[in-house]
Protein backbone atom coordinates (compact mmCIF):
# COMPACT_ATOMS: atom_id res chain seq x y z
CA MET A 1 120.34 226.56 143.22
CA PHE A 2 118.33 224.56 140.94
CA ASN A 3 119.45 223.86 137.67
CA ALA A 4 117.92 222.69 134.73
CA ASP A 5 117.86 218.59 135.83
CA LYS A 6 116.50 219.78 138.96
CA MET A 7 113.79 221.10 137.63
CA ASN A 8 112.77 218.41 135.21
CA GLU A 9 113.02 216.20 137.60
CA ILE A 10 110.49 217.90 139.85
CA SER A 11 108.49 218.30 136.21
CA ASN A 12 108.40 214.26 135.63
CA LYS A 13 107.15 213.32 139.40
CA ILE A 14 104.82 216.28 139.18
CA LYS A 15 103.38 214.24 135.87
CA GLU A 16 103.10 211.31 136.84
CA VAL A 17 101.25 211.96 140.05
CA VAL A 18 98.98 213.69 137.29
CA ASN A 19 98.10 211.94 134.62
CA ASN A 20 97.78 208.50 137.53
CA SER A 21 95.20 211.59 138.46
CA PRO A 22 91.88 212.59 137.08
CA LEU A 23 94.41 216.06 135.94
CA GLY A 24 96.06 214.29 133.15
CA ASP A 25 95.26 217.89 131.15
CA THR A 26 97.39 220.67 133.80
CA GLU A 27 100.96 218.64 133.21
CA LYS A 28 101.40 221.46 130.68
CA ASN A 29 100.23 224.17 133.01
CA ILE A 30 102.44 222.70 136.09
CA HIS A 31 105.45 222.37 133.42
CA ALA A 32 105.00 226.17 132.57
CA LEU A 33 103.54 227.41 136.23
CA LEU A 34 107.11 226.04 137.80
CA LYS A 35 109.10 227.41 135.13
CA SER A 36 107.46 230.98 135.92
CA ILE A 37 108.03 229.97 139.37
CA PHE A 38 111.67 229.68 138.95
CA THR A 39 112.26 232.28 136.32
CA LYS A 40 110.80 235.02 139.57
CA MET A 41 113.14 233.94 141.23
CA GLU A 42 116.07 234.68 138.99
CA LEU A 43 117.59 231.40 139.57
CA VAL A 44 120.67 230.55 137.45
CA THR A 45 122.31 227.20 136.84
CA ARG A 46 124.71 226.30 138.18
CA GLU A 47 127.27 227.01 135.05
CA GLU A 48 125.88 230.44 134.78
CA PHE A 49 126.86 230.99 138.31
CA ASP A 50 130.47 229.69 138.05
CA VAL A 51 130.83 231.27 135.11
CA GLN A 52 130.18 235.15 136.04
CA THR A 53 132.50 233.56 139.25
CA GLU A 54 135.67 232.88 137.03
CA VAL A 55 134.29 236.93 135.14
CA LEU A 56 134.11 239.06 138.76
CA ARG A 57 137.64 236.86 139.24
CA ASN A 58 139.42 237.97 136.71
CA ALA A 59 138.30 241.31 136.70
CA ARG A 60 139.62 241.24 140.42
CA GLU A 61 142.77 240.70 139.05
CA LYS A 62 142.49 242.88 136.64
CA LEU A 63 141.81 245.61 139.43
CA VAL A 64 144.56 245.15 141.75
CA MET A 65 146.97 245.02 139.20
CA LEU A 66 145.92 248.29 137.51
CA GLU A 67 146.10 250.21 141.09
CA LYS A 68 148.67 249.00 141.43
CA LYS A 69 150.46 250.13 137.92
CA LEU A 70 148.42 253.51 139.33
CA SER A 71 150.22 253.71 142.77
CA GLU A 72 153.88 253.14 140.61
CA LEU A 73 152.50 256.31 138.15
CA GLU A 74 151.74 258.29 141.23
CA SER A 75 154.93 257.31 143.24
CA LYS A 76 156.98 258.49 140.01
CA THR A 77 155.48 262.15 139.24
CA LYS A 78 156.06 263.50 142.76
């Protein structure tokens, strides 16, 4: 997965190549193109991924706890 730093690194390398060529005016277009491509790929940053992993872990723990409580309540009603 690409993060913002990786995208900036790739963009900076492209800028260097462009600045040393007659394509100097296309710098902004290349950056916008890369950003658009990464957005379409629906990539997320590592931080976003870690946050969502933690949210999922907490949800699973709550589900296990609720299933246990439900089982206890069902056994009491029988």
